Amino acid sequence: MKYFRLAIIFIAILVLSLLLHLLVYQSDFTYANISNSLFVVSIILFLPSIVAMTGAYQLFHGFRYVVKVFVSPSFRRNYPNFREYKEERQTEIKTTFFKELLIASFIILIASIILARVAMS
């Protein structure tokens, strides 16, 4: 894990949250508004990073294969069965980017939940 990249991702999430806040709430900085903008940006980045870390995107290879077989006859000639298609699509994620994105978005997600609890009390 690269800590410099983690810091850059963390800062990028905060900047995106600030831009979203300015777009939606203009200059009305309250705990609830800040919490909402942090939560939206962090959850949008957190959930896809979980998908990438677990490899859950591979579940959709079967759907994609069926659709391409029906749409394209040349695709059927290239991949006569699903096993060949799946073997070519087998890719391992060799970067720690998604781990860093997961950590940074999780930290900001927790901060937004804590900030929401403060705003509600």
PDB file of N, CA and C in Angstrom:
ATOM      1  N   MET A   1       0.852  -1.172   0.000  1.00  0.00           N
ATOM      2  CA  MET A   1       0.000   0.000   0.000  1.00  0.00           C
ATOM      3  C   MET A   1       0.899   1.237   0.000  1.00  0.00           C
ATOM      4  N   LYS A   2       0.530   2.176  -0.850  1.00  0.00           N
ATOM      5  CA  LYS A   2       1.303   3.410  -0.966  1.00  0.00           C
ATOM      6  C   LYS A   2       0.574   4.513  -0.218  1.00  0.00           C
ATOM      7  N   TYR A   3       1.223   5.037   0.795  1.00  0.00           N
ATOM      8  CA  TYR A   3       0.588   6.032   1.662  1.00  0.00           C
ATOM      9  C   TYR A   3       0.406   7.375   0.965  1.00  0.00           C
ATOM     10  N   PHE A   4       1.305   7.697   0.054  1.00  0.00           N
ATOM     11  CA  PHE A   4       1.166   8.949  -0.682  1.00  0.00           C
ATOM     12  C   PHE A   4      -0.077   8.912  -1.564  1.00  0.00           C
ATOM     13  N   ARG A   5      -0.290   7.797  -2.239  1.00  0.00           N
ATOM     14  CA  ARG A   5      -1.482   7.653  -3.074  1.00  0.00           C
ATOM     15  C   ARG A   5      -2.745   7.643  -2.216  1.00  0.00           C
ATOM     16  N   LEU A   6      -2.671   7.036  -1.029  1.00  0.00           N
ATOM     17  CA  LEU A   6      -3.795   7.052  -0.107  1.00  0.00           C
ATOM     18  C   LEU A   6      -4.141   8.482   0.296  1.00  0.00           C
ATOM     19  N   ALA A   7      -3.120   9.285   0.564  1.00  0.00           N
ATOM     20  CA  ALA A   7      -3.354  10.690   0.926  1.00  0.00           C
ATOM     21  C   ALA A   7      -3.958  11.463  -0.242  1.00  0.00           C
ATOM     22  N   ILE A   8      -3.503  11.194  -1.447  1.00  0.00           N
ATOM     23  CA  ILE A   8      -4.050  11.876  -2.627  1.00  0.00           C
ATOM     24  C   ILE A   8      -5.510  11.480  -2.841  1.00  0.00           C
ATOM     25  N   ILE A   9      -5.825  10.205  -2.685  1.00  0.00           N
ATOM     26  CA  ILE A   9      -7.217   9.744  -2.825  1.00  0.00           C
ATOM     27  C   ILE A   9      -8.088  10.385  -1.755  1.00  0.00           C
ATOM     28  N   PHE A  10      -7.572  10.430  -0.535  1.00  0.00           N
ATOM     29  CA  PHE A  10      -8.303  11.038   0.576  1.00  0.00           C
ATOM     30  C   PHE A  10      -8.612  12.510   0.287  1.00  0.00           C
ATOM     31  N   ILE A  11      -7.620  13.233  -0.188  1.00  0.00           N
ATOM     32  CA  ILE A  11      -7.802  14.650  -0.509  1.00  0.00           C
ATOM     33  C   ILE A  11      -8.767  14.805  -1.697  1.00  0.00           C
ATOM     34  N   ALA A  12      -8.659  13.920  -2.676  1.00  0.00           N
ATOM     35  CA  ALA A  12      -9.561  13.992  -3.837  1.00  0.00           C
ATOM     36  C   ALA A  12     -11.011  13.763  -3.410  1.00  0.00           C
ATOM     37  N   ILE A  13     -11.236  12.842  -2.491  1.00  0.00           N
ATOM     38  CA  ILE A  13     -12.597  12.603  -2.000  1.00  0.00           C
ATOM     39  C   ILE A  13     -13.112  13.829  -1.263  1.00  0.00           C
ATOM     40  N   LEU A  14     -12.259  14.446  -0.471  1.00  0.00           N
ATOM     41  CA  LEU A  14     -12.674  15.649   0.247  1.00  0.00           C
ATOM     42  C   LEU A  14     -12.981  16.797  -0.712  1.00  0.00           C
ATOM     43  N   VAL A  15     -12.195  16.933  -1.756  1.00  0.00           N
ATOM     44  CA  VAL A  15     -12.447  17.988  -2.742  1.00  0.00           C
ATOM     45  C   VAL A  15     -13.755  17.721  -3.493  1.00  0.00           C
ATOM     46  N   LEU A  16     -13.986  16.458  -3.868  1.00  0.00           N
ATOM     47  CA  LEU A  16     -15.246  16.118  -4.516  1.00  0.00           C
ATOM     48  C   LEU A  16     -16.438  16.389  -3.597  1.00  0.00           C
ATOM     49  N   SER A  17     -16.267  16.107  -2.318  1.00  0.00           N
ATOM     50  CA  SER A  17     -17.334  16.385  -1.351  1.00  0.00           C
ATOM     51  C   SER A  17     -17.593  17.882  -1.241  1.00  0.00           C
ATOM     52  N   LEU A  18     -16.524  18.657  -1.254  1.00  0.00           N
ATOM     53  CA  LEU A  18     -16.672  20.110  -1.192  1.00  0.00           C
ATOM     54  C   LEU A  18     -17.392  20.637  -2.437  1.00  0.00           C
ATOM     55  N   LEU A  19     -17.005  20.123  -3.603  1.00  0.00           N
ATOM     56  CA  LEU A  19     -17.663  20.558  -4.834  1.00  0.00           C
ATOM     57  C   LEU A  19     -19.137  20.172  -4.845  1.00  0.00           C
ATOM     58  N   LEU A  20     -19.453  18.974  -4.383  1.00  0.00           N
ATOM     59  CA  LEU A  20     -20.849  18.558  -4.296  1.00  0.00           C
ATOM     60  C   LEU A  20     -21.613  19.440  -3.313  1.00  0.00           C
ATOM     61  N   HIS A  21     -20.977  19.748  -2.196  1.00  0.00           N
ATOM     62  CA  HIS A  21     -21.623  20.601  -1.194  1.00  0.00           C
ATOM     63  C   HIS A  21     -21.906  21.984  -1.765  1.00  0.00           C
ATOM     64  N   LEU A  22     -20.939  22.547  -2.464  1.00  0.00           N
ATOM     65  CA  LEU A  22     -21.137  23.870  -3.051  1.00  0.00           C
ATOM     66  C   LEU A  22     -22.199  23.838  -4.148  1.00  0.00           C
ATOM     67  N   LEU A  23     -22.286  22.734  -4.867  1.00  0.00           N
ATOM     68  CA  LEU A  23     -23.280  22.606  -5.920  1.00  0.00           C
ATOM     69  C   LEU A  23     -24.691  22.486  -5.344  1.00  0.00           C
ATOM     70  N   VAL A  24     -24.837  21.724  -4.283  1.00  0.00           N
ATOM     71  CA  VAL A  24     -26.166  21.457  -3.735  1.00  0.00           C
ATOM     72  C   VAL A  24     -26.574  22.492  -2.694  1.00  0.00           C
ATOM     73  N   TYR A  25     -25.691  22.771  -1.750  1.00  0.00           N
ATOM     74  CA  TYR A  25     -26.049  23.611  -0.607  1.00  0.00           C
ATOM     75  C   TYR A  25     -25.481  25.031  -0.678  1.00  0.00           C
ATOM     76  N   GLN A  26     -24.746  25.358  -1.702  1.00  0.00           N
ATOM     77  CA  GLN A  26     -24.051  26.636  -1.861  1.00  0.00           C
ATOM     78  C   GLN A  26     -23.134  26.874  -0.644  1.00  0.00           C
ATOM     79  N   SER A  27     -23.314  27.930   0.083  1.00  0.00           N
ATOM     80  CA  SER A  27     -22.400  28.237   1.189  1.00  0.00           C
ATOM     81  C   SER A  27     -23.042  28.004   2.548  1.00  0.00           C
ATOM     82  N   ASP A  28     -24.019  27.133   2.623  1.00  0.00           N
ATOM     83  CA  ASP A  28     -24.693  26.821   3.878  1.00  0.00           C
ATOM     84  C   ASP A  28     -23.969  25.643   4.549  1.00  0.00           C
ATOM     85  N   PHE A  29     -22.930  25.948   5.316  1.00  0.00           N
ATOM     86  CA  PHE A  29     -22.122  24.920   5.952  1.00  0.00           C
ATOM     87  C   PHE A  29     -22.675  24.584   7.331  1.00  0.00           C
ATOM     88  N   THR A  30     -23.435  23.510   7.401  1.00  0.00           N
ATOM     89  CA  THR A  30     -23.904  22.982   8.684  1.00  0.00           C
ATOM     90  C   THR A  30     -23.408  21.545   8.796  1.00  0.00           C
ATOM     91  N   TYR A  31     -23.451  21.008  10.003  1.00  0.00           N
ATOM     92  CA  TYR A  31     -23.004  19.632  10.204  1.00  0.00           C
ATOM     93  C   TYR A  31     -23.797  18.655   9.333  1.00  0.00           C
ATOM     94  N   ALA A  32     -25.089  18.855   9.258  1.00  0.00           N
ATOM     95  CA  ALA A  32     -25.936  17.953   8.476  1.00  0.00           C
ATOM     96  C   ALA A  32     -25.593  18.021   6.984  1.00  0.00           C
ATOM     97  N   ASN A  33     -25.407  19.226   6.465  1.00  0.00           N
ATOM     98  CA  ASN A  33     -25.091  19.378   5.040  1.00  0.00           C
ATOM     99  C   ASN A  33     -23.714  18.805   4.704  1.00  0.00           C
ATOM    100  N   ILE A  34     -22.755  19.062   5.563  1.00  0.00           N
ATOM    101  CA  ILE A  34     -21.406  18.522   5.339  1.00  0.00           C
ATOM    102  C   ILE A  34     -21.437  17.005   5.412  1.00  0.00           C
ATOM    103  N   SER A  35     -22.176  16.482   6.381  1.00  0.00           N
ATOM    104  CA  SER A  35     -22.299  15.030   6.520  1.00  0.00           C
ATOM    105  C   SER A  35     -22.940  14.412   5.290  1.00  0.00           C
ATOM    106  N   ASN A  36     -23.973  15.046   4.778  1.00  0.00           N
ATOM    107  CA  ASN A  36     -24.649  14.524   3.584  1.00  0.00           C
ATOM    108  C   ASN A  36     -23.719  14.482   2.376  1.00  0.00           C
ATOM    109  N   SER A  37     -22.993  15.538   2.146  1.00  0.00           N
ATOM    110  CA  SER A  37     -22.110  15.566   0.977  1.00  0.00           C
ATOM    111  C   SER A  37     -20.949  14.580   1.135  1.00  0.00           C
ATOM    112  N   LEU A  38     -20.399  14.452   2.343  1.00  0.00           N
ATOM    113  CA  LEU A  38     -19.343  13.457   2.565  1.00  0.00           C
ATOM    114  C   LEU A  38     -19.874  12.045   2.354  1.00  0.00           C
ATOM    115  N   PHE A  39     -21.079  11.797   2.846  1.00  0.00           N
ATOM    116  CA  PHE A  39     -21.652  10.456   2.732  1.00  0.00           C
ATOM    117  C   PHE A  39     -21.901  10.076   1.281  1.00  0.00           C
ATOM    118  N   VAL A  40     -22.460  10.981   0.513  1.00  0.00           N
ATOM    119  CA  VAL A  40     -22.788  10.666  -0.888  1.00  0.00           C
ATOM    120  C   VAL A  40     -21.528  10.332  -1.672  1.00  0.00           C
ATOM    121  N   VAL A  41     -20.508  11.142  -1.544  1.00  0.00           N
ATOM    122  CA  VAL A  41     -19.284  10.894  -2.308  1.00  0.00           C
ATOM    123  C   VAL A  41     -18.597   9.622  -1.828  1.00  0.00           C
ATOM    124  N   SER A  42     -18.534   9.415  -0.521  1.00  0.00           N
ATOM    125  CA  SER A  42     -17.823   8.240  -0.015  1.00  0.00           C
ATOM    126  C   SER A  42     -18.556   6.939  -0.328  1.00  0.00           C
ATOM    127  N   ILE A  43     -19.879   6.930  -0.281  1.00  0.00           N
ATOM    128  CA  ILE A  43     -20.600   5.687  -0.579  1.00  0.00           C
ATOM    129  C   ILE A  43     -20.522   5.358  -2.065  1.00  0.00           C
ATOM    130  N   ILE A  44     -20.494   6.394  -2.921  1.00  0.00           N
ATOM    131  CA  ILE A  44     -20.362   6.168  -4.361  1.00  0.00           C
ATOM    132  C   ILE A  44     -18.998   5.552  -4.691  1.00  0.00           C
ATOM    133  N   LEU A  45     -17.977   5.869  -3.927  1.00  0.00           N
ATOM    134  CA  LEU A  45     -16.654   5.301  -4.164  1.00  0.00           C
ATOM    135  C   LEU A  45     -16.418   4.011  -3.374  1.00  0.00           C
ATOM    136  N   PHE A  46     -17.060   3.878  -2.217  1.00  0.00           N
ATOM    137  CA  PHE A  46     -16.850   2.727  -1.349  1.00  0.00           C
ATOM    138  C   PHE A  46     -17.425   1.445  -1.945  1.00  0.00           C
ATOM    139  N   LEU A  47     -18.647   1.498  -2.434  1.00  0.00           N
ATOM    140  CA  LEU A  47     -19.299   0.286  -2.937  1.00  0.00           C
ATOM    141  C   LEU A  47     -18.603  -0.307  -4.174  1.00  0.00           C
ATOM    142  N   PRO A  48     -18.242   0.500  -5.186  1.00  0.00           N
ATOM    143  CA  PRO A  48     -17.496  -0.094  -6.310  1.00  0.00           C
ATOM    144  C   PRO A  48     -16.118  -0.622  -5.916  1.00  0.00           C
ATOM    145  N   SER A  49     -15.487  -0.015  -4.905  1.00  0.00           N
ATOM    146  CA  SER A  49     -14.188  -0.543  -4.485  1.00  0.00           C
ATOM    147  C   SER A  49     -14.343  -1.897  -3.809  1.00  0.00           C
ATOM    148  N   ILE A  50     -15.460  -2.123  -3.111  1.00  0.00           N
ATOM    149  CA  ILE A  50     -15.720  -3.457  -2.554  1.00  0.00           C
ATOM    150  C   ILE A  50     -15.912  -4.463  -3.685  1.00  0.00           C
ATOM    151  N   VAL A  51     -16.653  -4.071  -4.701  1.00  0.00           N
ATOM    152  CA  VAL A  51     -16.871  -4.956  -5.852  1.00  0.00           C
ATOM    153  C   VAL A  51     -15.536  -5.302  -6.508  1.00  0.00           C
ATOM    154  N   ALA A  52     -14.680  -4.333  -6.682  1.00  0.00           N
ATOM    155  CA  ALA A  52     -13.391  -4.575  -7.322  1.00  0.00           C
ATOM    156  C   ALA A  52     -12.486  -5.438  -6.446  1.00  0.00           C
ATOM    157  N   MET A  53     -12.513  -5.223  -5.149  1.00  0.00           N
ATOM    158  CA  MET A  53     -11.660  -6.001  -4.240  1.00  0.00           C
ATOM    159  C   MET A  53     -12.098  -7.463  -4.168  1.00  0.00           C
ATOM    160  N   THR A  54     -13.388  -7.715  -4.188  1.00  0.00           N
ATOM    161  CA  THR A  54     -13.886  -9.085  -4.070  1.00  0.00           C
ATOM    162  C   THR A  54     -13.955  -9.815  -5.400  1.00  0.00           C
ATOM    163  N   GLY A  55     -13.862  -9.093  -6.494  1.00  0.00           N
ATOM    164  CA  GLY A  55     -13.964  -9.708  -7.816  1.00  0.00           C
ATOM    165  C   GLY A  55     -15.386 -10.058  -8.187  1.00  0.00           C
ATOM    166  N   ALA A  56     -16.351  -9.402  -7.577  1.00  0.00           N
ATOM    167  CA  ALA A  56     -17.760  -9.702  -7.838  1.00  0.00           C
ATOM    168  C   ALA A  56     -18.186  -9.331  -9.252  1.00  0.00           C
ATOM    169  N   TYR A  57     -17.414  -8.504  -9.928  1.00  0.00           N
ATOM    170  CA  TYR A  57     -17.746  -8.122 -11.294  1.00  0.00           C
ATOM    171  C   TYR A  57     -17.705  -9.328 -12.231  1.00  0.00           C
ATOM    172  N   GLN A  58     -17.042 -10.402 -11.835  1.00  0.00           N
ATOM    173  CA  GLN A  58     -16.961 -11.591 -12.680  1.00  0.00           C
ATOM    174  C   GLN A  58     -18.295 -12.308 -12.789  1.00  0.00           C
ATOM    175  N   LEU A  59     -19.220 -12.006 -11.893  1.00  0.00           N
ATOM    176  CA  LEU A  59     -20.552 -12.600 -11.974  1.00  0.00           C
ATOM    177  C   LEU A  59     -21.268 -12.211 -13.259  1.00  0.00           C
ATOM    178  N   PHE A  60     -20.938 -11.056 -13.787  1.00  0.00           N
ATOM    179  CA  PHE A  60     -21.623 -10.553 -14.969  1.00  0.00           C
ATOM    180  C   PHE A  60     -21.028 -11.061 -16.276  1.00  0.00           C
ATOM    181  N   HIS A  61     -19.962 -11.819 -16.223  1.00  0.00           N
ATOM    182  CA  HIS A  61     -19.377 -12.354 -17.450  1.00  0.00           C
ATOM    183  C   HIS A  61     -20.348 -13.286 -18.155  1.00  0.00           C
ATOM    184  N   GLY A  62     -21.112 -14.063 -17.406  1.00  0.00           N
ATOM    185  CA  GLY A  62     -22.092 -14.964 -18.020  1.00  0.00           C
ATOM    186  C   GLY A  62     -23.184 -14.214 -18.749  1.00  0.00           C
ATOM    187  N   PHE A  63     -23.706 -13.156 -18.131  1.00  0.00           N
ATOM    188  CA  PHE A  63     -24.727 -12.338 -18.787  1.00  0.00           C
ATOM    189  C   PHE A  63     -24.184 -11.702 -20.061  1.00  0.00           C
ATOM    190  N   ARG A  64     -22.974 -11.188 -19.965  1.00  0.00           N
ATOM    191  CA  ARG A  64     -22.360 -10.545 -21.113  1.00  0.00           C
ATOM    192  C   ARG A  64     -22.136 -11.543 -22.249  1.00  0.00           C
ATOM    193  N   TYR A  65     -21.727 -12.765 -21.894  1.00  0.00           N
ATOM    194  CA  TYR A  65     -21.509 -13.805 -22.912  1.00  0.00           C
ATOM    195  C   TYR A  65     -22.813 -14.137 -23.642  1.00  0.00           C
ATOM    196  N   VAL A  66     -23.890 -14.325 -22.898  1.00  0.00           N
ATOM    197  CA  VAL A  66     -25.174 -14.675 -23.515  1.00  0.00           C
ATOM    198  C   VAL A  66     -25.651 -13.571 -24.449  1.00  0.00           C
ATOM    199  N   VAL A  67     -25.557 -12.330 -24.021  1.00  0.00           N
ATOM    200  CA  VAL A  67     -26.003 -11.214 -24.858  1.00  0.00           C
ATOM    201  C   VAL A  67     -25.161 -11.117 -26.128  1.00  0.00           C
ATOM    202  N   LYS A  68     -23.848 -11.260 -25.988  1.00  0.00           N
ATOM    203  CA  LYS A  68     -22.983 -11.151 -27.166  1.00  0.00           C
ATOM    204  C   LYS A  68     -23.195 -12.303 -28.129  1.00  0.00           C
ATOM    205  N   VAL A  69     -23.506 -13.485 -27.617  1.00  0.00           N
ATOM    206  CA  VAL A  69     -23.770 -14.624 -28.499  1.00  0.00           C
ATOM    207  C   VAL A  69     -25.014 -14.370 -29.327  1.00  0.00           C
ATOM    208  N   PHE A  70     -26.059 -13.815 -28.718  1.00  0.00           N
ATOM    209  CA  PHE A  70     -27.288 -13.535 -29.459  1.00  0.00           C
ATOM    210  C   PHE A  70     -27.141 -12.381 -30.435  1.00  0.00           C
ATOM    211  N   VAL A  71     -26.327 -11.402 -30.102  1.00  0.00           N
ATOM    212  CA  VAL A  71     -26.204 -10.197 -30.920  1.00  0.00           C
ATOM    213  C   VAL A  71     -25.219 -10.380 -32.066  1.00  0.00           C
ATOM    214  N   SER A  72     -24.094 -11.037 -31.805  1.00  0.00           N
ATOM    215  CA  SER A  72     -23.022 -11.084 -32.792  1.00  0.00           C
ATOM    216  C   SER A  72     -22.696 -12.522 -33.192  1.00  0.00           C
ATOM    217  N   PRO A  73     -22.899 -12.882 -34.449  1.00  0.00           N
ATOM    218  CA  PRO A  73     -22.541 -14.237 -34.892  1.00  0.00           C
ATOM    219  C   PRO A  73     -21.026 -14.465 -34.900  1.00  0.00           C
ATOM    220  N   SER A  74     -20.268 -13.426 -35.147  1.00  0.00           N
ATOM    221  CA  SER A  74     -18.811 -13.583 -35.158  1.00  0.00           C
ATOM    222  C   SER A  74     -18.282 -13.860 -33.747  1.00  0.00           C
ATOM    223  N   PHE A  75     -18.963 -13.343 -32.749  1.00  0.00           N
ATOM    224  CA  PHE A  75     -18.561 -13.609 -31.373  1.00  0.00           C
ATOM    225  C   PHE A  75     -18.705 -15.097 -31.066  1.00  0.00           C
ATOM    226  N   ARG A  76     -19.768 -15.706 -31.570  1.00  0.00           N
ATOM    227  CA  ARG A  76     -20.010 -17.142 -31.350  1.00  0.00           C
ATOM    228  C   ARG A  76     -18.908 -17.983 -31.990  1.00  0.00           C
ATOM    229  N   ARG A  77     -18.396 -17.549 -33.145  1.00  0.00           N
ATOM    230  CA  ARG A  77     -17.299 -18.276 -33.787  1.00  0.00           C
ATOM    231  C   ARG A  77     -16.009 -18.149 -32.974  1.00  0.00           C
ATOM    232  N   ASN A  78     -15.761 -16.973 -32.399  1.00  0.00           N
ATOM    233  CA  ASN A  78     -14.546 -16.767 -31.615  1.00  0.00           C
ATOM    234  C   ASN A  78     -14.579 -17.522 -30.293  1.00  0.00           C
ATOM    235  N   TYR A  79     -15.742 -17.591 -29.679  1.00  0.00           N
ATOM    236  CA  TYR A  79     -15.898 -18.249 -28.380  1.00  0.00           C
ATOM    237  C   TYR A  79     -17.052 -19.255 -28.478  1.00  0.00           C
ATOM    238  N   PRO A  80     -16.779 -20.477 -28.919  1.00  0.00           N
ATOM    239  CA  PRO A  80     -17.864 -21.445 -29.067  1.00  0.00           C
ATOM    240  C   PRO A  80     -18.496 -21.864 -27.735  1.00  0.00           C
ATOM    241  N   ASN A  81     -17.758 -21.794 -26.649  1.00  0.00           N
ATOM    242  CA  ASN A  81     -18.363 -22.096 -25.352  1.00  0.00           C
ATOM    243  C   ASN A  81     -17.908 -21.082 -24.308  1.00  0.00           C
ATOM    244  N   PHE A  82     -18.625 -21.079 -23.226  1.00  0.00           N
ATOM    245  CA  PHE A  82     -18.398 -20.077 -22.180  1.00  0.00           C
ATOM    246  C   PHE A  82     -17.046 -20.237 -21.513  1.00  0.00           C
ATOM    247  N   ARG A  83     -16.531 -21.462 -21.420  1.00  0.00           N
ATOM    248  CA  ARG A  83     -15.254 -21.701 -20.749  1.00  0.00           C
ATOM    249  C   ARG A  83     -14.117 -20.925 -21.419  1.00  0.00           C
ATOM    250  N   GLU A  84     -14.085 -20.909 -22.739  1.00  0.00           N
ATOM    251  CA  GLU A  84     -13.045 -20.171 -23.452  1.00  0.00           C
ATOM    252  C   GLU A  84     -13.158 -18.664 -23.202  1.00  0.00           C
ATOM    253  N   TYR A  85     -14.389 -18.189 -23.205  1.00  0.00           N
ATOM    254  CA  TYR A  85     -14.613 -16.758 -22.937  1.00  0.00           C
ATOM    255  C   TYR A  85     -14.167 -16.396 -21.523  1.00  0.00           C
ATOM    256  N   LYS A  86     -14.492 -17.249 -20.575  1.00  0.00           N
ATOM    257  CA  LYS A  86     -14.148 -16.977 -19.172  1.00  0.00           C
ATOM    258  C   LYS A  86     -12.650 -17.043 -18.944  1.00  0.00           C
ATOM    259  N   GLU A  87     -11.972 -17.983 -19.594  1.00  0.00           N
ATOM    260  CA  GLU A  87     -10.522 -18.089 -19.446  1.00  0.00           C
ATOM    261  C   GLU A  87      -9.820 -16.837 -19.964  1.00  0.00           C
ATOM    262  N   GLU A  88     -10.344 -16.271 -21.059  1.00  0.00           N
ATOM    263  CA  GLU A  88      -9.726 -15.057 -21.590  1.00  0.00           C
ATOM    264  C   GLU A  88     -10.022 -13.846 -20.699  1.00  0.00           C
ATOM    265  N   ARG A  89     -11.165 -13.836 -20.044  1.00  0.00           N
ATOM    266  CA  ARG A  89     -11.567 -12.722 -19.199  1.00  0.00           C
ATOM    267  C   ARG A  89     -11.005 -12.807 -17.788  1.00  0.00           C
ATOM    268  N   GLN A  90     -10.357 -13.906 -17.434  1.00  0.00           N
ATOM    269  CA  GLN A  90      -9.799 -14.030 -16.094  1.00  0.00           C
ATOM    270  C   GLN A  90      -8.666 -13.023 -15.927  1.00  0.00           C
ATOM    271  N   THR A  91      -8.898 -12.057 -15.107  1.00  0.00           N
ATOM    272  CA  THR A  91      -7.869 -11.068 -14.811  1.00  0.00           C
ATOM    273  C   THR A  91      -7.805 -10.860 -13.313  1.00  0.00           C
ATOM    274  N   GLU A  92      -6.634 -10.781 -12.820  1.00  0.00           N
ATOM    275  CA  GLU A  92      -6.425 -10.496 -11.411  1.00  0.00           C
ATOM    276  C   GLU A  92      -6.104  -9.008 -11.277  1.00  0.00           C
ATOM    277  N   ILE A  93      -6.596  -8.402 -10.233  1.00  0.00           N
ATOM    278  CA  ILE A  93      -6.271  -7.006  -9.971  1.00  0.00           C
ATOM    279  C   ILE A  93      -4.899  -6.989  -9.307  1.00  0.00           C
ATOM    280  N   LYS A  94      -3.947  -6.349  -9.981  1.00  0.00           N
ATOM    281  CA  LYS A  94      -2.575  -6.371  -9.514  1.00  0.00           C
ATOM    282  C   LYS A  94      -2.141  -5.054  -8.887  1.00  0.00           C
ATOM    283  N   THR A  95      -3.079  -4.185  -8.611  1.00  0.00           N
ATOM    284  CA  THR A  95      -2.754  -2.898  -8.041  1.00  0.00           C
ATOM    285  C   THR A  95      -3.381  -2.772  -6.664  1.00  0.00           C
ATOM    286  N   THR A  96      -2.815  -1.915  -5.854  1.00  0.00           N
ATOM    287  CA  THR A  96      -3.371  -1.675  -4.525  1.00  0.00           C
ATOM    288  C   THR A  96      -4.283  -0.453  -4.525  1.00  0.00           C
ATOM    289  N   PHE A  97      -4.597   0.068  -5.703  1.00  0.00           N
ATOM    290  CA  PHE A  97      -5.416   1.265  -5.785  1.00  0.00           C
ATOM    291  C   PHE A  97      -6.775   1.064  -5.132  1.00  0.00           C
ATOM    292  N   PHE A  98      -7.409  -0.075  -5.393  1.00  0.00           N
ATOM    293  CA  PHE A  98      -8.743  -0.299  -4.845  1.00  0.00           C
ATOM    294  C   PHE A  98      -8.708  -0.479  -3.329  1.00  0.00           C
ATOM    295  N   LYS A  99      -7.616  -1.033  -2.815  1.00  0.00           N
ATOM    296  CA  LYS A  99      -7.479  -1.140  -1.367  1.00  0.00           C
ATOM    297  C   LYS A  99      -7.365   0.248  -0.747  1.00  0.00           C
ATOM    298  N   GLU A 100      -6.589   1.104  -1.363  1.00  0.00           N
ATOM    299  CA  GLU A 100      -6.440   2.470  -0.869  1.00  0.00           C
ATOM    300  C   GLU A 100      -7.738   3.253  -1.003  1.00  0.00           C
ATOM    301  N   LEU A 101      -8.445   3.064  -2.111  1.00  0.00           N
ATOM    302  CA  LEU A 101      -9.740   3.714  -2.298  1.00  0.00           C
ATOM    303  C   LEU A 101     -10.743   3.220  -1.263  1.00  0.00           C
ATOM    304  N   LEU A 102     -10.730   1.933  -0.974  1.00  0.00           N
ATOM    305  CA  LEU A 102     -11.612   1.359   0.029  1.00  0.00           C
ATOM    306  C   LEU A 102     -11.325   1.954   1.409  1.00  0.00           C
ATOM    307  N   ILE A 103     -10.074   2.054   1.767  1.00  0.00           N
ATOM    308  CA  ILE A 103      -9.697   2.588   3.083  1.00  0.00           C
ATOM    309  C   ILE A 103     -10.081   4.058   3.200  1.00  0.00           C
ATOM    310  N   ALA A 104      -9.735   4.855   2.196  1.00  0.00           N
ATOM    311  CA  ALA A 104     -10.027   6.290   2.256  1.00  0.00           C
ATOM    312  C   ALA A 104     -11.526   6.548   2.265  1.00  0.00           C
ATOM    313  N   SER A 105     -12.265   5.860   1.419  1.00  0.00           N
ATOM    314  CA  SER A 105     -13.714   6.084   1.388  1.00  0.00           C
ATOM    315  C   SER A 105     -14.380   5.570   2.655  1.00  0.00           C
ATOM    316  N   PHE A 106     -13.864   4.493   3.242  1.00  0.00           N
ATOM    317  CA  PHE A 106     -14.423   3.985   4.494  1.00  0.00           C
ATOM    318  C   PHE A 106     -14.191   4.969   5.640  1.00  0.00           C
ATOM    319  N   ILE A 107     -13.018   5.564   5.697  1.00  0.00           N
ATOM    320  CA  ILE A 107     -12.726   6.550   6.750  1.00  0.00           C
ATOM    321  C   ILE A 107     -13.665   7.746   6.626  1.00  0.00           C
ATOM    322  N   ILE A 108     -13.854   8.232   5.418  1.00  0.00           N
ATOM    323  CA  ILE A 108     -14.736   9.382   5.222  1.00  0.00           C
ATOM    324  C   ILE A 108     -16.192   8.989   5.443  1.00  0.00           C
ATOM    325  N   LEU A 109     -16.563   7.769   5.106  1.00  0.00           N
ATOM    326  CA  LEU A 109     -17.912   7.278   5.361  1.00  0.00           C
ATOM    327  C   LEU A 109     -18.196   7.240   6.864  1.00  0.00           C
ATOM    328  N   ILE A 110     -17.269   6.741   7.639  1.00  0.00           N
ATOM    329  CA  ILE A 110     -17.423   6.721   9.097  1.00  0.00           C
ATOM    330  C   ILE A 110     -17.478   8.144   9.641  1.00  0.00           C
ATOM    331  N   ALA A 111     -16.632   9.028   9.121  1.00  0.00           N
ATOM    332  CA  ALA A 111     -16.648  10.424   9.568  1.00  0.00           C
ATOM    333  C   ALA A 111     -17.991  11.079   9.259  1.00  0.00           C
ATOM    334  N   SER A 112     -18.568  10.764   8.120  1.00  0.00           N
ATOM    335  CA  SER A 112     -19.865  11.358   7.778  1.00  0.00           C
ATOM    336  C   SER A 112     -20.968  10.830   8.690  1.00  0.00           C
ATOM    337  N   ILE A 113     -20.889   9.571   9.080  1.00  0.00           N
ATOM    338  CA  ILE A 113     -21.887   9.012  10.000  1.00  0.00           C
ATOM    339  C   ILE A 113     -21.742   9.634  11.380  1.00  0.00           C
ATOM    340  N   ILE A 114     -20.516   9.810  11.833  1.00  0.00           N
ATOM    341  CA  ILE A 114     -20.299  10.468  13.129  1.00  0.00           C
ATOM    342  C   ILE A 114     -20.771  11.902  13.084  1.00  0.00           C
ATOM    343  N   LEU A 115     -20.489  12.593  12.000  1.00  0.00           N
ATOM    344  CA  LEU A 115     -20.936  13.976  11.848  1.00  0.00           C
ATOM    345  C   LEU A 115     -22.470  14.069  11.798  1.00  0.00           C
ATOM    346  N   ALA A 116     -23.098  13.085  11.198  1.00  0.00           N
ATOM    347  CA  ALA A 116     -24.577  13.066  11.173  1.00  0.00           C
ATOM    348  C   ALA A 116     -25.134  12.848  12.578  1.00  0.00           C
ATOM    349  N   ARG A 117     -24.489  12.004  13.351  1.00  0.00           N
ATOM    350  CA  ARG A 117     -24.939  11.789  14.743  1.00  0.00           C
ATOM    351  C   ARG A 117     -24.781  13.071  15.561  1.00  0.00           C
ATOM    352  N   VAL A 118     -23.706  13.808  15.316  1.00  0.00           N
ATOM    353  CA  VAL A 118     -23.512  15.078  16.005  1.00  0.00           C
ATOM    354  C   VAL A 118     -24.583  16.087  15.584  1.00  0.00           C
ATOM    355  N   ALA A 119     -24.908  16.085  14.312  1.00  0.00           N
ATOM    356  CA  ALA A 119     -25.900  17.033  13.788  1.00  0.00           C
ATOM    357  C   ALA A 119     -27.290  16.716  14.328  1.00  0.00           C
ATOM    358  N   MET A 120     -27.586  15.438  14.554  1.00  0.00           N
ATOM    359  CA  MET A 120     -28.910  15.060  15.027  1.00  0.00           C
ATOM    360  C   MET A 120     -29.077  15.310  16.524  1.00  0.00           C
ATOM    361  N   SER A 121     -27.991  15.417  17.264  1.00  0.00           N
ATOM    362  CA  SER A 121     -28.122  15.624  18.710  1.00  0.00           C
ATOM    363  C   SER A 121     -28.107  17.088  19.104  1.00  0.00           C
TER     364      SER A 121
END
